[in-house]
């Protein structure tokens, strides 16, 4: 249970910046400062545009995997290239999570 009160001084600009960053991560200013002080993980919430981009990348990655499987026997070089592309998209998807 949190009972102690801590204050610190900052400029008006710094306070606004803290407020913006806290809002983007979905936290209160005090929780944001607490996590930053203890070097805890602070994750910024994804915007609607970022969510749409993520869904689109997932769709493309799946489609390229299907193309790879379809052309595996007929055209191995094309299958290899599409597999590589699907792997690169997968790496970008993993970067979204960080």
C-alpha atoms as a PDB file:
ATOM      1  CA  UNK A   1       0.000   0.000   0.000  1.00  0.00           C
ATOM      2  CA  UNK A   2       1.397   3.363  -1.009  1.00  0.00           C
ATOM      3  CA  UNK A   3       1.300   5.887   1.833  1.00  0.00           C
ATOM      4  CA  UNK A   4       4.402   8.022   1.365  1.00  0.00           C
ATOM      5  CA  UNK A   5       4.395  11.260  -0.614  1.00  0.00           C
ATOM      6  CA  UNK A   6       7.438  12.358  -2.655  1.00  0.00           C
ATOM      7  CA  UNK A   7       7.878  15.657  -4.479  1.00  0.00           C
ATOM      8  CA  UNK A   8      10.529  16.810  -6.907  1.00  0.00           C
ATOM      9  CA  UNK A   9      11.071  19.979  -8.855  1.00  0.00           C
ATOM     10  CA  UNK A  10      11.047  20.225 -12.617  1.00  0.00           C
ATOM     11  CA  UNK A  11      10.428  22.867 -15.240  1.00  0.00           C
ATOM     12  CA  UNK A  12       7.046  23.419 -16.873  1.00  0.00           C
ATOM     13  CA  UNK A  13       8.384  21.842 -20.067  1.00  0.00           C
ATOM     14  CA  UNK A  14       9.612  18.753 -18.200  1.00  0.00           C
ATOM     15  CA  UNK A  15       6.254  18.358 -16.482  1.00  0.00           C
ATOM     16  CA  UNK A  16       4.418  18.536 -19.804  1.00  0.00           C
ATOM     17  CA  UNK A  17       6.822  16.024 -21.286  1.00  0.00           C
ATOM     18  CA  UNK A  18       6.277  13.669 -18.335  1.00  0.00           C
ATOM     19  CA  UNK A  19       2.517  14.048 -18.738  1.00  0.00           C
ATOM     20  CA  UNK A  20       2.684  13.249 -22.472  1.00  0.00           C
ATOM     21  CA  UNK A  21       4.927  10.223 -21.993  1.00  0.00           C
ATOM     22  CA  UNK A  22       2.783   8.925 -19.138  1.00  0.00           C
ATOM     23  CA  UNK A  23      -0.372   9.317 -21.223  1.00  0.00           C
ATOM     24  CA  UNK A  24       1.201   7.487 -24.176  1.00  0.00           C
ATOM     25  CA  UNK A  25       2.110   4.575 -21.928  1.00  0.00           C
ATOM     26  CA  UNK A  26      -1.295   4.540 -20.244  1.00  0.00           C
ATOM     27  CA  UNK A  27       0.082   5.382 -16.785  1.00  0.00           C
ATOM     28  CA  UNK A  28      -0.350   8.177 -14.302  1.00  0.00           C
ATOM     29  CA  UNK A  29       2.533  10.613 -13.917  1.00  0.00           C
ATOM     30  CA  UNK A  30       3.420   9.186 -10.504  1.00  0.00           C
ATOM     31  CA  UNK A  31       3.402   5.588 -11.786  1.00  0.00           C
ATOM     32  CA  UNK A  32       5.465   6.622 -14.806  1.00  0.00           C
ATOM     33  CA  UNK A  33       8.066   8.337 -12.583  1.00  0.00           C
ATOM     34  CA  UNK A  34       8.094   5.381 -10.195  1.00  0.00           C
ATOM     35  CA  UNK A  35       8.768   2.899 -12.995  1.00  0.00           C
ATOM     36  CA  UNK A  36      11.429   5.142 -14.512  1.00  0.00           C
ATOM     37  CA  UNK A  37      13.169   5.513 -11.141  1.00  0.00           C
ATOM     38  CA  UNK A  38      13.256   1.755 -10.584  1.00  0.00           C
ATOM     39  CA  UNK A  39      14.245   1.130 -14.219  1.00  0.00           C
ATOM     40  CA  UNK A  40      11.103  -0.919 -14.712  1.00  0.00           C
ATOM     41  CA  UNK A  41       9.787  -1.566 -18.202  1.00  0.00           C
ATOM     42  CA  UNK A  42       7.607   1.231 -19.593  1.00  0.00           C
ATOM     43  CA  UNK A  43       5.680   0.246 -22.711  1.00  0.00           C
ATOM     44  CA  UNK A  44       4.043   2.821 -24.927  1.00  0.00           C
ATOM     45  CA  UNK A  45       0.556   1.849 -26.024  1.00  0.00           C
ATOM     46  CA  UNK A  46       0.081   1.262 -29.732  1.00  0.00           C
ATOM     47  CA  UNK A  47      -1.996   3.749 -31.698  1.00  0.00           C
ATOM     48  CA  UNK A  48      -4.791   2.627 -34.014  1.00  0.00           C
ATOM     49  CA  UNK A  49      -2.520   3.207 -37.009  1.00  0.00           C
ATOM     50  CA  UNK A  50       0.212   1.038 -35.502  1.00  0.00           C
ATOM     51  CA  UNK A  51      -2.285  -1.727 -34.772  1.00  0.00           C
ATOM     52  CA  UNK A  52      -3.496  -1.642 -38.374  1.00  0.00           C
ATOM     53  CA  UNK A  53       0.112  -1.783 -39.637  1.00  0.00           C
ATOM     54  CA  UNK A  54       0.804  -4.741 -37.332  1.00  0.00           C
ATOM     55  CA  UNK A  55      -2.263  -6.615 -38.613  1.00  0.00           C
ATOM     56  CA  UNK A  56      -1.228  -5.908 -42.199  1.00  0.00           C
ATOM     57  CA  UNK A  57       2.290  -7.230 -41.577  1.00  0.00           C
ATOM     58  CA  UNK A  58       0.862 -10.385 -39.989  1.00  0.00           C
ATOM     59  CA  UNK A  59      -1.325 -10.903 -43.062  1.00  0.00           C
ATOM     60  CA  UNK A  60       1.606 -10.374 -45.459  1.00  0.00           C
ATOM     61  CA  UNK A  61       3.866 -12.697 -43.492  1.00  0.00           C
ATOM     62  CA  UNK A  62       1.255 -15.454 -43.611  1.00  0.00           C
ATOM     63  CA  UNK A  63       0.646 -14.941 -47.342  1.00  0.00           C
ATOM     64  CA  UNK A  64       4.353 -15.144 -48.150  1.00  0.00           C
ATOM     65  CA  UNK A  65       4.626 -18.365 -46.155  1.00  0.00           C
ATOM     66  CA  UNK A  66       1.741 -19.805 -48.166  1.00  0.00           C
ATOM     67  CA  UNK A  67       3.420 -18.726 -51.421  1.00  0.00           C
ATOM     68  CA  UNK A  68       6.643 -20.372 -50.241  1.00  0.00           C
ATOM     69  CA  UNK A  69       4.845 -23.663 -49.615  1.00  0.00           C
ATOM     70  CA  UNK A  70       3.032 -23.468 -52.955  1.00  0.00           C
ATOM     71  CA  UNK A  71       6.212 -22.952 -55.022  1.00  0.00           C
ATOM     72  CA  UNK A  72       8.559 -25.187 -53.039  1.00  0.00           C
ATOM     73  CA  UNK A  73       8.646 -27.976 -55.663  1.00  0.00           C
ATOM     74  CA  UNK A  74       7.994 -25.977 -58.845  1.00  0.00           C
ATOM     75  CA  UNK A  75      10.420 -23.105 -58.357  1.00  0.00           C
ATOM     76  CA  UNK A  76      12.813 -23.580 -55.412  1.00  0.00           C
ATOM     77  CA  UNK A  77      14.566 -20.240 -55.966  1.00  0.00           C
ATOM     78  CA  UNK A  78      11.295 -18.291 -55.766  1.00  0.00           C
ATOM     79  CA  UNK A  79      10.299 -20.300 -52.704  1.00  0.00           C
ATOM     80  CA  UNK A  80      13.600 -19.448 -51.039  1.00  0.00           C
ATOM     81  CA  UNK A  81      13.190 -15.727 -51.754  1.00  0.00           C
ATOM     82  CA  UNK A  82       9.626 -15.618 -50.431  1.00  0.00           C
ATOM     83  CA  UNK A  83      10.707 -17.562 -47.347  1.00  0.00           C
ATOM     84  CA  UNK A  84      13.422 -14.983 -46.735  1.00  0.00           C
ATOM     85  CA  UNK A  85      10.907 -12.160 -47.138  1.00  0.00           C
ATOM     86  CA  UNK A  86       8.513 -13.853 -44.698  1.00  0.00           C
ATOM     87  CA  UNK A  87      11.400 -14.195 -42.235  1.00  0.00           C
ATOM     88  CA  UNK A  88      12.235 -10.478 -42.508  1.00  0.00           C
ATOM     89  CA  UNK A  89       8.604  -9.527 -41.928  1.00  0.00           C
ATOM     90  CA  UNK A  90       8.589 -11.820 -38.890  1.00  0.00           C
ATOM     91  CA  UNK A  91      11.617  -9.977 -37.482  1.00  0.00           C
ATOM     92  CA  UNK A  92       9.795  -6.646 -37.879  1.00  0.00           C
ATOM     93  CA  UNK A  93       6.760  -8.109 -36.117  1.00  0.00           C
ATOM     94  CA  UNK A  94       8.950  -9.160 -33.202  1.00  0.00           C
ATOM     95  CA  UNK A  95      10.325  -5.600 -33.022  1.00  0.00           C
ATOM     96  CA  UNK A  96       6.762  -4.312 -32.552  1.00  0.00           C
ATOM     97  CA  UNK A  97       6.579  -6.180 -29.253  1.00  0.00           C
ATOM     98  CA  UNK A  98       9.692  -4.579 -27.800  1.00  0.00           C
END
